N, C-alpha and C. Protein backbone atom coordinates (compact mmCIF):
# COMPACT_ATOMS: atom_id res chain seq x y z
N MET A 1 87.68 82.63 104.31
CA MET A 1 88.95 82.91 105.90
C MET A 1 88.91 83.83 105.97
N TRP A 2 89.20 84.10 107.52
CA TRP A 2 88.77 84.39 109.13
C TRP A 2 89.93 85.51 108.87
N ILE A 3 90.07 86.82 109.05
CA ILE A 3 91.03 87.60 109.13
C ILE A 3 90.72 88.54 110.12
N THR A 4 92.03 88.56 111.42
CA THR A 4 91.74 89.31 112.59
C THR A 4 92.84 90.44 112.38
N LEU A 5 92.96 91.39 112.43
CA LEU A 5 93.82 92.50 112.51
C LEU A 5 93.90 92.92 113.81
N ALA A 6 94.95 93.89 114.21
CA ALA A 6 95.89 94.32 115.50
C ALA A 6 93.91 95.50 116.10
N GLY A 7 93.57 95.30 116.94
CA GLY A 7 92.66 96.07 117.92
C GLY A 7 92.33 97.37 117.41
N ASP A 8 92.68 97.90 116.96
CA ASP A 8 93.06 99.42 116.76
C ASP A 8 92.36 99.25 115.08
N TRP A 9 92.05 98.76 114.63
CA TRP A 9 91.95 98.39 112.95
C TRP A 9 89.81 98.77 113.09
N ASP A 10 89.70 99.14 112.16
CA ASP A 10 87.66 98.80 111.50
C ASP A 10 88.10 98.74 110.21
N THR A 11 87.51 97.57 110.18
CA THR A 11 87.33 96.61 108.95
C THR A 11 86.50 96.86 108.12
N GLU A 12 85.46 97.95 108.94
CA GLU A 12 83.85 98.91 107.95
C GLU A 12 84.90 100.38 107.68
N GLU A 13 86.20 100.19 108.23
CA GLU A 13 86.59 101.32 107.26
C GLU A 13 87.92 100.97 106.12
N LEU A 14 88.28 100.28 106.47
CA LEU A 14 89.10 99.26 105.62
C LEU A 14 88.22 98.91 104.44
N LEU A 15 86.97 98.76 104.36
CA LEU A 15 86.41 98.06 103.58
C LEU A 15 86.11 99.37 102.32
N ALA A 16 85.63 100.21 103.00
CA ALA A 16 85.59 101.69 102.03
C ALA A 16 86.36 101.75 101.39
N THR A 17 87.62 101.80 101.56
CA THR A 17 89.18 101.90 101.09
C THR A 17 89.05 101.00 100.19
N ALA A 18 89.16 99.44 100.85
CA ALA A 18 89.31 98.05 99.66
C ALA A 18 88.19 98.46 97.99
N GLN A 19 87.05 98.95 98.98
CA GLN A 19 85.92 99.24 97.94
C GLN A 19 86.24 100.33 96.30
N GLU A 20 87.53 100.61 97.24
CA GLU A 20 87.88 102.05 95.39
C GLU A 20 88.88 101.06 94.99
N GLY A 21 89.56 99.89 95.32
CA GLY A 21 90.59 99.29 94.74
C GLY A 21 89.52 97.86 93.90
N GLY A 22 88.36 97.85 94.40
CA GLY A 22 87.89 96.84 93.73
C GLY A 22 87.80 95.46 94.27
N VAL A 23 87.76 95.48 95.71
CA VAL A 23 87.90 95.08 96.82
C VAL A 23 86.74 94.51 97.40
N GLN A 24 86.14 93.76 97.86
CA GLN A 24 85.16 93.59 98.53
C GLN A 24 85.41 92.28 99.67
N PHE A 25 84.78 92.58 101.31
CA PHE A 25 84.94 91.28 101.91
C PHE A 25 83.94 92.00 103.42
N VAL A 26 84.02 91.04 103.26
CA VAL A 26 82.63 91.08 104.71
C VAL A 26 83.03 91.49 105.77
N PRO A 27 82.88 93.00 107.25
CA PRO A 27 83.34 93.29 108.22
C PRO A 27 83.07 91.65 108.70
N GLY A 28 83.91 92.15 109.91
CA GLY A 28 83.37 90.88 110.81
C GLY A 28 82.40 91.11 112.25
N SER A 29 82.13 92.05 112.33
CA SER A 29 81.00 92.90 113.14
C SER A 29 79.57 92.27 112.72
N ALA A 30 79.86 91.96 110.84
CA ALA A 30 78.40 91.47 110.54
C ALA A 30 78.19 89.93 111.07
N PHE A 31 79.40 89.18 111.84
CA PHE A 31 78.86 88.08 112.08
C PHE A 31 78.33 87.99 113.75
N TYR A 32 78.49 89.01 114.07
CA TYR A 32 78.54 88.97 115.61
C TYR A 32 77.27 90.01 115.91
N PHE A 33 76.36 89.01 117.07
CA PHE A 33 74.93 89.70 117.47
C PHE A 33 75.42 91.03 118.39
N ARG A 34 76.23 90.61 119.14
CA ARG A 34 76.86 92.28 120.81
C ARG A 34 78.23 91.64 120.60
N SER A 35 78.93 92.30 120.19
CA SER A 35 80.38 92.78 119.70
C SER A 35 80.67 93.69 118.90
N ALA A 36 81.40 94.39 120.15
CA ALA A 36 81.71 95.78 119.46
C ALA A 36 83.50 95.51 118.77
N SER A 37 83.98 94.09 118.42
CA SER A 37 85.14 93.83 117.47
C SER A 37 84.38 94.45 116.07
N THR A 38 86.01 95.11 115.95
CA THR A 38 85.55 95.75 114.51
C THR A 38 86.65 95.08 113.46
N ASN A 39 87.83 94.51 114.39
CA ASN A 39 89.05 94.41 113.37
C ASN A 39 89.44 92.96 113.08
N SER A 40 88.16 92.26 112.74
CA SER A 40 88.27 91.17 111.62
C SER A 40 87.24 91.45 110.64
N MET A 41 87.75 90.47 109.29
CA MET A 41 87.18 90.40 108.51
C MET A 41 86.66 88.99 107.62
N ARG A 42 86.10 88.44 106.86
CA ARG A 42 85.84 87.10 106.26
C ARG A 42 86.31 87.22 104.54
N LEU A 43 86.75 87.21 104.21
CA LEU A 43 87.40 86.53 102.71
C LEU A 43 86.78 85.66 102.19
N SER A 44 86.59 85.46 101.07
CA SER A 44 85.54 84.52 100.84
C SER A 44 86.01 84.67 98.74
N PHE A 45 86.55 83.31 98.97
CA PHE A 45 86.73 83.27 97.42
C PHE A 45 86.13 81.98 96.14
N ALA A 46 84.98 81.60 97.04
CA ALA A 46 84.41 80.63 96.38
C ALA A 46 83.81 80.58 95.03
N THR A 47 83.56 82.25 94.66
CA THR A 47 83.30 82.44 93.09
C THR A 47 84.25 82.89 92.39
N GLU A 48 85.28 83.69 92.53
CA GLU A 48 86.67 84.45 92.12
C GLU A 48 87.53 83.62 91.35
N ASN A 49 88.02 83.86 89.92
CA ASN A 49 88.79 83.63 89.53
C ASN A 49 90.51 84.26 90.24
N GLU A 50 91.05 82.89 89.81
CA GLU A 50 92.72 83.37 90.46
C GLU A 50 92.98 84.52 90.51
N GLN A 51 92.86 85.33 88.94
CA GLN A 51 93.55 86.61 88.72
C GLN A 51 92.50 87.29 90.22
N ALA A 52 91.59 87.29 90.19
CA ALA A 52 90.96 88.55 90.90
C ALA A 52 91.04 88.00 92.22
N ILE A 53 91.62 86.91 92.74
CA ILE A 53 92.15 86.39 94.15
C ILE A 53 93.39 87.55 94.52
N THR A 54 94.03 87.02 93.42
CA THR A 54 95.52 87.41 93.37
C THR A 54 95.40 89.38 93.48
N HIS A 55 94.60 89.92 92.86
CA HIS A 55 94.38 91.60 92.84
C HIS A 55 94.02 91.73 94.19
N GLY A 56 92.68 90.50 94.73
CA GLY A 56 92.13 91.90 96.23
C GLY A 56 93.69 91.05 97.01
N ILE A 57 93.88 90.36 97.27
CA ILE A 57 94.99 89.87 98.09
C ILE A 57 96.27 90.82 97.95
N LYS A 58 96.20 91.17 96.79
CA LYS A 58 98.00 92.67 96.79
C LYS A 58 97.23 93.77 97.05
N THR A 59 96.00 94.17 97.38
CA THR A 59 95.37 94.99 97.19
C THR A 59 95.13 95.63 98.69
N LEU A 60 94.52 94.93 99.75
CA LEU A 60 94.67 94.63 100.75
C LEU A 60 95.53 94.73 101.26
N GLY A 61 96.99 93.97 101.13
CA GLY A 61 98.04 93.99 101.50
C GLY A 61 98.91 95.55 101.07
N GLU A 62 98.10 96.36 100.60
CA GLU A 62 99.49 97.47 99.88
C GLU A 62 98.80 98.62 100.83
N ILE A 63 97.25 98.65 101.48
CA ILE A 63 96.37 98.82 102.01
C ILE A 63 96.82 99.19 103.48
N ILE A 64 96.87 97.83 104.13
CA ILE A 64 97.80 97.08 105.66
C ILE A 64 99.17 98.37 105.27
N SER A 65 99.67 97.65 104.25
CA SER A 65 101.21 98.14 104.77
C SER A 65 101.80 99.48 104.81
N LYS A 66 100.28 100.16 103.68
CA LYS A 66 100.19 101.75 104.55
C LYS A 66 100.51 102.37 105.15
N ARG A 67 99.06 102.10 106.10
CA ARG A 67 99.02 102.39 107.64
C ARG A 67 99.68 101.63 108.39
N ARG A 68 100.78 101.07 108.20
CA ARG A 68 101.57 100.03 109.14
C ARG A 68 102.69 101.43 108.90
N SER A 69 102.92 101.75 107.90
CA SER A 69 104.04 102.59 107.29
C SER A 69 104.35 103.58 108.26
N ARG A 70 103.19 104.13 108.49
CA ARG A 70 102.56 105.71 109.08
C ARG A 70 102.68 105.18 110.62
N ALA A 71 102.64 104.11 111.17
CA ALA A 71 102.99 103.75 112.75
C ALA A 71 104.41 103.82 112.83
N PRO A 72 104.22 104.12 114.16
CA PRO A 72 105.62 103.88 114.98
C PRO A 72 106.58 103.05 114.68
N GLN A 73 107.92 102.80 114.26
CA GLN A 73 108.82 102.17 114.03
C GLN A 73 109.57 101.48 115.42
N ALA A 74 109.63 99.81 115.09
CA ALA A 74 109.86 99.74 116.48
C ALA A 74 111.81 100.18 117.01
N GLY A 75 111.39 100.43 118.19
CA GLY A 75 113.00 101.03 119.21
C GLY A 75 112.69 102.73 119.08
N HIS A 76 111.23 102.86 118.50
CA HIS A 76 110.58 104.25 118.80
C HIS A 76 109.95 103.80 120.31
N TRP A 77 110.07 105.06 121.08
CA TRP A 77 109.24 104.90 122.21
C TRP A 77 108.01 106.19 121.97
N MET A 78 106.56 104.90 122.23
CA MET A 78 105.53 105.34 122.54
C MET A 78 105.03 104.81 124.05
N PRO A 79 103.89 105.25 124.25
CA PRO A 79 103.17 104.82 125.67
C PRO A 79 102.47 103.36 125.02
N GLU A 80 102.43 102.52 125.87
CA GLU A 80 101.17 101.00 124.82
C GLU A 80 100.63 101.36 124.89
N ALA A 81 99.82 101.69 125.58
CA ALA A 81 97.92 102.43 125.05
C ALA A 81 97.90 102.91 123.47
N HIS A 82 99.02 103.39 122.84
CA HIS A 82 98.88 104.42 121.87
C HIS A 82 100.08 102.99 120.84
N ARG A 83 100.25 102.41 121.27
CA ARG A 83 100.87 101.35 120.27
C ARG A 83 100.23 100.48 119.14
N THR A 84 100.80 100.67 117.92
CA THR A 84 99.55 99.82 117.31
C THR A 84 100.57 98.65 116.42
N ILE A 85 99.93 97.55 116.38
CA ILE A 85 101.01 96.39 116.06
C ILE A 85 99.97 95.54 115.42
N VAL A 86 100.40 95.31 113.48
CA VAL A 86 99.54 94.19 113.31
C VAL A 86 100.00 93.05 112.50
């Protein structure tokens, strides 16, 4: 499964946090020869059981949700260049 997050995410940094929770994925940058894109990732479920998949998705969701909760909320003004949309 290919996932693309908002442009300000760095999935290599996300990987480090995910690994602390026992989750692995491949940052999208590994699939590009000449790309500065760092906001995508590849999730592979081929060799995992349903329990491991559920754990991985839940862990990634929690990490992403925590970061989103620190982002400015809708209705709060912030210059366009600094807005985070996930």
